[in-house]
PDB file of all heavy atoms in Angstrom:
ATOM      1  N   GLU A   1     -28.033 -98.319-140.078  1.00  0.00           N
ATOM      2  CA  GLU A   1     -27.441 -99.508-140.710  1.00  0.00           C
ATOM      3  C   GLU A   1     -27.405 -99.390-142.236  1.00  0.00           C
ATOM      4  O   GLU A   1     -27.739-100.336-142.964  1.00  0.00           O
ATOM      5  CB  GLU A   1     -28.201-100.782-140.297  1.00  0.00           C
ATOM      6  CG  GLU A   1     -28.232-101.052-138.799  1.00  0.00           C
ATOM      7  CD  GLU A   1     -26.857-101.432-138.243  1.00  0.00           C
ATOM      8  OE1 GLU A   1     -25.934-101.704-139.029  1.00  0.00           O
ATOM      9  OE2 GLU A   1     -26.714-101.444-137.001  1.00  0.00           O
ATOM     10  N   LEU A   2     -26.985 -98.230-142.725  1.00  0.00           N
ATOM     11  CA  LEU A   2     -26.878 -98.041-144.173  1.00  0.00           C
ATOM     12  C   LEU A   2     -25.710 -98.836-144.732  1.00  0.00           C
ATOM     13  O   LEU A   2     -24.643 -98.920-144.121  1.00  0.00           O
ATOM     14  CB  LEU A   2     -26.693 -96.558-144.494  1.00  0.00           C
ATOM     15  CG  LEU A   2     -27.998 -95.749-144.496  1.00  0.00           C
ATOM     16  CD1 LEU A   2     -27.748 -94.315-144.117  1.00  0.00           C
ATOM     17  CD2 LEU A   2     -28.663 -95.829-145.861  1.00  0.00           C
ATOM     18  N   LYS A   3     -25.898 -99.386-145.896  1.00  0.00           N
ATOM     19  CA  LYS A   3     -24.857-100.172-146.569  1.00  0.00           C
ATOM     20  C   LYS A   3     -24.845 -99.818-148.054  1.00  0.00           C
ATOM     21  O   LYS A   3     -25.188-100.617-148.918  1.00  0.00           O
ATOM     22  CB  LYS A   3     -25.100-101.672-146.364  1.00  0.00           C
ATOM     23  CG  LYS A   3     -24.984-102.128-144.911  1.00  0.00           C
ATOM     24  CD  LYS A   3     -25.232-103.617-144.771  1.00  0.00           C
ATOM     25  CE  LYS A   3     -25.000-104.102-143.346  1.00  0.00           C
ATOM     26  NZ  LYS A   3     -25.919-103.460-142.385  1.00  0.00           N
ATOM     27  N   CYS A   4     -24.412 -98.595-148.358  1.00  0.00           N
ATOM     28  CA  CYS A   4     -24.367 -98.125-149.744  1.00  0.00           C
ATOM     29  C   CYS A   4     -23.173 -98.744-150.473  1.00  0.00           C
ATOM     30  O   CYS A   4     -22.150 -99.070-149.868  1.00  0.00           O
ATOM     31  CB  CYS A   4     -24.252 -96.609-149.796  1.00  0.00           C
ATOM     32  SG  CYS A   4     -25.583 -95.709-148.969  1.00  0.00           S
ATOM     33  N   SER A   5     -23.294 -98.853-151.785  1.00  0.00           N
ATOM     34  CA  SER A   5     -22.177 -99.304-152.621  1.00  0.00           C
ATOM     35  C   SER A   5     -21.450 -98.130-153.246  1.00  0.00           C
ATOM     36  O   SER A   5     -20.438 -98.309-153.907  1.00  0.00           O
ATOM     37  CB  SER A   5     -22.691-100.228-153.727  1.00  0.00           C
ATOM     38  OG  SER A   5     -23.498 -99.497-154.638  1.00  0.00           O
ATOM     39  N   SER A   6     -21.984 -96.917-153.072  1.00  0.00           N
ATOM     40  CA  SER A   6     -21.531 -95.643-153.645  1.00  0.00           C
ATOM     41  C   SER A   6     -22.014 -95.449-155.080  1.00  0.00           C
ATOM     42  O   SER A   6     -21.765 -94.409-155.692  1.00  0.00           O
ATOM     43  CB  SER A   6     -20.007 -95.464-153.574  1.00  0.00           C
ATOM     44  OG  SER A   6     -19.349 -96.177-154.582  1.00  0.00           O
ATOM     45  N   ASN A   7     -22.716 -96.417-155.635  1.00  0.00           N
ATOM     46  CA  ASN A   7     -23.263 -96.280-156.991  1.00  0.00           C
ATOM     47  C   ASN A   7     -24.691 -95.748-156.990  1.00  0.00           C
ATOM     48  O   ASN A   7     -25.229 -95.404-158.046  1.00  0.00           O
ATOM     49  CB  ASN A   7     -23.231 -97.629-157.715  1.00  0.00           C
ATOM     50  CG  ASN A   7     -21.811 -98.106-157.970  1.00  0.00           C
ATOM     51  OD1 ASN A   7     -20.932 -97.307-158.289  1.00  0.00           O
ATOM     52  ND2 ASN A   7     -21.584 -99.404-157.813  1.00  0.00           N
ATOM     53  N   GLU A   8     -25.313 -95.697-155.825  1.00  0.00           N
ATOM     54  CA  GLU A   8     -26.689 -95.227-155.739  1.00  0.00           C
ATOM     55  C   GLU A   8     -26.767 -93.728-156.026  1.00  0.00           C
ATOM     56  O   GLU A   8     -25.832 -92.974-155.762  1.00  0.00           O
ATOM     57  CB  GLU A   8     -27.271 -95.506-154.353  1.00  0.00           C
ATOM     58  CG  GLU A   8     -27.392 -96.984-154.006  1.00  0.00           C
ATOM     59  CD  GLU A   8     -26.127 -97.571-153.395  1.00  0.00           C
ATOM     60  OE1 GLU A   8     -25.110 -96.841-153.324  1.00  0.00           O
ATOM     61  OE2 GLU A   8     -26.168 -98.740-152.978  1.00  0.00           O
ATOM     62  N   SER A   9     -27.906 -93.290-156.563  1.00  0.00           N
ATOM     63  CA  SER A   9     -28.120 -91.865-156.837  1.00  0.00           C
ATOM     64  C   SER A   9     -28.733 -91.140-155.645  1.00  0.00           C
ATOM     65  O   SER A   9     -28.575 -89.915-155.506  1.00  0.00           O
ATOM     66  CB  SER A   9     -29.039 -91.690-158.049  1.00  0.00           C
ATOM     67  OG  SER A   9     -28.466 -92.271-159.202  1.00  0.00           O
ATOM     68  N   PHE A  10     -29.426 -91.870-154.777  1.00  0.00           N
ATOM     69  CA  PHE A  10     -30.084 -91.290-153.607  1.00  0.00           C
ATOM     70  C   PHE A  10     -29.774 -92.136-152.381  1.00  0.00           C
ATOM     71  O   PHE A  10     -29.736 -93.369-152.461  1.00  0.00           O
ATOM     72  CB  PHE A  10     -31.601 -91.210-153.809  1.00  0.00           C
ATOM     73  CG  PHE A  10     -32.007 -90.416-155.032  1.00  0.00           C
ATOM     74  CD1 PHE A  10     -32.261 -91.056-156.233  1.00  0.00           C
ATOM     75  CD2 PHE A  10     -32.119 -89.037-154.967  1.00  0.00           C
ATOM     76  CE1 PHE A  10     -32.625 -90.335-157.358  1.00  0.00           C
ATOM     77  CE2 PHE A  10     -32.476 -88.310-156.091  1.00  0.00           C
ATOM     78  CZ  PHE A  10     -32.735 -88.953-157.294  1.00  0.00           C
ATOM     79  N   ILE A  11     -29.590 -91.493-151.253  1.00  0.00           N
ATOM     80  CA  ILE A  11     -29.201 -92.204-150.035  1.00  0.00           C
ATOM     81  C   ILE A  11     -30.270 -93.210-149.613  1.00  0.00           C
ATOM     82  O   ILE A  11     -29.965 -94.271-149.059  1.00  0.00           O
ATOM     83  CB  ILE A  11     -28.899 -91.196-148.891  1.00  0.00           C
ATOM     84  CG1 ILE A  11     -28.245 -91.903-147.702  1.00  0.00           C
ATOM     85  CG2 ILE A  11     -30.143 -90.440-148.472  1.00  0.00           C
ATOM     86  CD1 ILE A  11     -26.849 -92.393-147.966  1.00  0.00           C
ATOM     87  N   TRP A  12     -31.540 -92.905-149.902  1.00  0.00           N
ATOM     88  CA  TRP A  12     -32.602 -93.836-149.506  1.00  0.00           C
ATOM     89  C   TRP A  12     -32.730 -95.021-150.457  1.00  0.00           C
ATOM     90  O   TRP A  12     -33.546 -95.898-150.227  1.00  0.00           O
ATOM     91  CB  TRP A  12     -33.934 -93.103-149.376  1.00  0.00           C
ATOM     92  CG  TRP A  12     -34.192 -92.066-150.431  1.00  0.00           C
ATOM     93  CD1 TRP A  12     -34.683 -92.254-151.685  1.00  0.00           C
ATOM     94  CD2 TRP A  12     -33.934 -90.661-150.295  1.00  0.00           C
ATOM     95  NE1 TRP A  12     -34.755 -91.060-152.349  1.00  0.00           N
ATOM     96  CE2 TRP A  12     -34.311 -90.048-151.528  1.00  0.00           C
ATOM     97  CE3 TRP A  12     -33.451 -89.859-149.267  1.00  0.00           C
ATOM     98  CZ2 TRP A  12     -34.204 -88.682-151.740  1.00  0.00           C
ATOM     99  CZ3 TRP A  12     -33.334 -88.492-149.489  1.00  0.00           C
ATOM    100  CH2 TRP A  12     -33.707 -87.921-150.706  1.00  0.00           C
ATOM    101  N   GLU A  13     -31.903 -95.078-151.510  1.00  0.00           N
ATOM    102  CA  GLU A  13     -31.846 -96.277-152.344  1.00  0.00           C
ATOM    103  C   GLU A  13     -30.909 -97.331-151.758  1.00  0.00           C
ATOM    104  O   GLU A  13     -30.899 -98.476-152.210  1.00  0.00           O
ATOM    105  CB  GLU A  13     -31.375 -95.915-153.758  1.00  0.00           C
ATOM    106  CG  GLU A  13     -32.369 -95.087-154.554  1.00  0.00           C
ATOM    107  CD  GLU A  13     -31.840 -94.724-155.930  1.00  0.00           C
ATOM    108  OE1 GLU A  13     -30.616 -94.878-156.169  1.00  0.00           O
ATOM    109  OE2 GLU A  13     -32.638 -94.278-156.773  1.00  0.00           O
ATOM    110  N   CYS A  14     -30.094 -96.942-150.780  1.00  0.00           N
ATOM    111  CA  CYS A  14     -29.136 -97.879-150.176  1.00  0.00           C
ATOM    112  C   CYS A  14     -29.846 -98.860-149.257  1.00  0.00           C
ATOM    113  O   CYS A  14     -30.851 -98.523-148.624  1.00  0.00           O
ATOM    114  CB  CYS A  14     -28.096 -97.110-149.363  1.00  0.00           C
ATOM    115  SG  CYS A  14     -27.165 -95.882-150.310  1.00  0.00           S
ATOM    116  N   PRO A  15     -29.338-100.090-149.158  1.00  0.00           N
ATOM    117  CA  PRO A  15     -29.886-101.023-148.168  1.00  0.00           C
ATOM    118  C   PRO A  15     -29.754-100.441-146.761  1.00  0.00           C
ATOM    119  O   PRO A  15     -28.731 -99.849-146.411  1.00  0.00           O
ATOM    120  CB  PRO A  15     -29.000-102.269-148.327  1.00  0.00           C
ATOM    121  CG  PRO A  15     -28.425-102.166-149.707  1.00  0.00           C
ATOM    122  CD  PRO A  15     -28.254-100.701-149.965  1.00  0.00           C
ATOM    123  N   SER A  16     -30.794-100.588-145.950  1.00  0.00           N
ATOM    124  CA  SER A  16     -30.771-100.053-144.591  1.00  0.00           C
ATOM    125  C   SER A  16     -31.898-100.679-143.790  1.00  0.00           C
ATOM    126  O   SER A  16     -32.738-101.414-144.331  1.00  0.00           O
ATOM    127  CB  SER A  16     -30.944 -98.530-144.602  1.00  0.00           C
ATOM    128  OG  SER A  16     -32.261 -98.179-145.006  1.00  0.00           O
ATOM    129  N   ALA A  17     -31.918-100.368-142.499  1.00  0.00           N
ATOM    130  CA  ALA A  17     -33.086-100.722-141.693  1.00  0.00           C
ATOM    131  C   ALA A  17     -34.283 -99.924-142.203  1.00  0.00           C
ATOM    132  O   ALA A  17     -34.115 -98.908-142.890  1.00  0.00           O
ATOM    133  CB  ALA A  17     -32.814-100.410-140.223  1.00  0.00           C
ATOM    134  N   SER A  18     -35.464-100.335-141.870  1.00  0.00           N
ATOM    135  CA  SER A  18     -36.662 -99.643-142.345  1.00  0.00           C
ATOM    136  C   SER A  18     -36.734 -98.234-141.738  1.00  0.00           C
ATOM    137  O   SER A  18     -36.108 -97.943-140.713  1.00  0.00           O
ATOM    138  CB  SER A  18     -37.913-100.442-141.979  1.00  0.00           C
ATOM    139  OG  SER A  18     -37.972-100.672-140.578  1.00  0.00           O
ATOM    140  N   TRP A  19     -37.495 -97.361-142.387  1.00  0.00           N
ATOM    141  CA  TRP A  19     -37.608 -95.976-141.935  1.00  0.00           C
ATOM    142  C   TRP A  19     -37.971 -95.904-140.456  1.00  0.00           C
ATOM    143  O   TRP A  19     -38.939 -96.516-139.998  1.00  0.00           O
ATOM    144  CB  TRP A  19     -38.671 -95.234-142.742  1.00  0.00           C
ATOM    145  CG  TRP A  19     -38.254 -94.918-144.153  1.00  0.00           C
ATOM    146  CD1 TRP A  19     -38.561 -95.640-145.275  1.00  0.00           C
ATOM    147  CD2 TRP A  19     -37.455 -93.822-144.585  1.00  0.00           C
ATOM    148  NE1 TRP A  19     -37.997 -95.056-146.386  1.00  0.00           N
ATOM    149  CE2 TRP A  19     -37.318 -93.925-145.999  1.00  0.00           C
ATOM    150  CE3 TRP A  19     -36.853 -92.751-143.930  1.00  0.00           C
ATOM    151  CZ2 TRP A  19     -36.602 -93.003-146.751  1.00  0.00           C
ATOM    152  CZ3 TRP A  19     -36.127 -91.827-144.685  1.00  0.00           C
ATOM    153  CH2 TRP A  19     -36.009 -91.961-146.072  1.00  0.00           C
ATOM    154  N   GLY A  20     -37.164 -95.178-139.679  1.00  0.00           N
ATOM    155  CA  GLY A  20     -37.450 -94.964-138.259  1.00  0.00           C
ATOM    156  C   GLY A  20     -37.075 -96.107-137.352  1.00  0.00           C
ATOM    157  O   GLY A  20     -37.238 -96.009-136.127  1.00  0.00           O
ATOM    158  N   ASN A  21     -36.560 -97.203-137.912  1.00  0.00           N
ATOM    159  CA  ASN A  21     -36.187 -98.375-137.100  1.00  0.00           C
ATOM    160  C   ASN A  21     -34.698 -98.274-136.752  1.00  0.00           C
ATOM    161  O   ASN A  21     -33.839 -98.406-137.621  1.00  0.00           O
ATOM    162  CB  ASN A  21     -36.480 -99.653-137.888  1.00  0.00           C
ATOM    163  CG  ASN A  21     -36.223-100.908-137.072  1.00  0.00           C
ATOM    164  OD1 ASN A  21     -36.051-100.852-135.856  1.00  0.00           O
ATOM    165  ND2 ASN A  21     -36.185-102.046-137.756  1.00  0.00           N
ATOM    166  N   HIS A  22     -34.363 -98.051-135.474  1.00  0.00           N
ATOM    167  CA  HIS A  22     -32.973 -97.837-135.079  1.00  0.00           C
ATOM    168  C   HIS A  22     -32.812 -98.113-133.584  1.00  0.00           C
ATOM    169  O   HIS A  22     -33.794 -98.286-132.850  1.00  0.00           O
ATOM    170  CB  HIS A  22     -32.576 -96.379-135.358  1.00  0.00           C
ATOM    171  CG  HIS A  22     -33.340 -95.390-134.517  1.00  0.00           C
ATOM    172  ND1 HIS A  22     -32.914 -94.989-133.278  1.00  0.00           N
ATOM    173  CD2 HIS A  22     -34.528 -94.749-134.734  1.00  0.00           C
ATOM    174  CE1 HIS A  22     -33.790 -94.145-132.759  1.00  0.00           C
ATOM    175  NE2 HIS A  22     -34.778 -93.989-133.628  1.00  0.00           N
ATOM    176  N   ASP A  23     -31.557 -98.138-133.145  1.00  0.00           N
ATOM    177  CA  ASP A  23     -31.259 -98.254-131.711  1.00  0.00           C
ATOM    178  C   ASP A  23     -30.247 -97.171-131.330  1.00  0.00           C
ATOM    179  O   ASP A  23     -29.293 -97.406-130.597  1.00  0.00           O
ATOM    180  CB  ASP A  23     -30.725 -99.650-131.377  1.00  0.00           C
ATOM    181  CG  ASP A  23     -29.479-100.014-132.189  1.00  0.00           C
ATOM    182  OD1 ASP A  23     -29.101 -99.223-133.078  1.00  0.00           O
ATOM    183  OD2 ASP A  23     -28.892-101.070-131.917  1.00  0.00           O
ATOM    184  N   CYS A  24     -30.441 -95.963-131.837  1.00  0.00           N
ATOM    185  CA  CYS A  24     -29.472 -94.874-131.703  1.00  0.00           C
ATOM    186  C   CYS A  24     -30.069 -93.709-130.929  1.00  0.00           C
ATOM    187  O   CYS A  24     -31.286 -93.570-130.803  1.00  0.00           O
ATOM    188  CB  CYS A  24     -29.051 -94.364-133.085  1.00  0.00           C
ATOM    189  SG  CYS A  24     -28.481 -95.668-134.200  1.00  0.00           S
ATOM    190  N   SER A  25     -29.190 -92.854-130.438  1.00  0.00           N
ATOM    191  CA  SER A  25     -29.584 -91.558-129.896  1.00  0.00           C
ATOM    192  C   SER A  25     -29.014 -90.480-130.817  1.00  0.00           C
ATOM    193  O   SER A  25     -28.205 -90.768-131.698  1.00  0.00           O
ATOM    194  CB  SER A  25     -29.032 -91.373-128.478  1.00  0.00           C
ATOM    195  OG  SER A  25     -27.622 -91.196-128.514  1.00  0.00           O
TER     196      SER A  25
END
């Protein structure tokens, strides 16, 4: 659930679910 604005310098600066929290395979 990443929601970057494209202005971030690092991918982990983007809003997202917490580390390891997902419903994906």
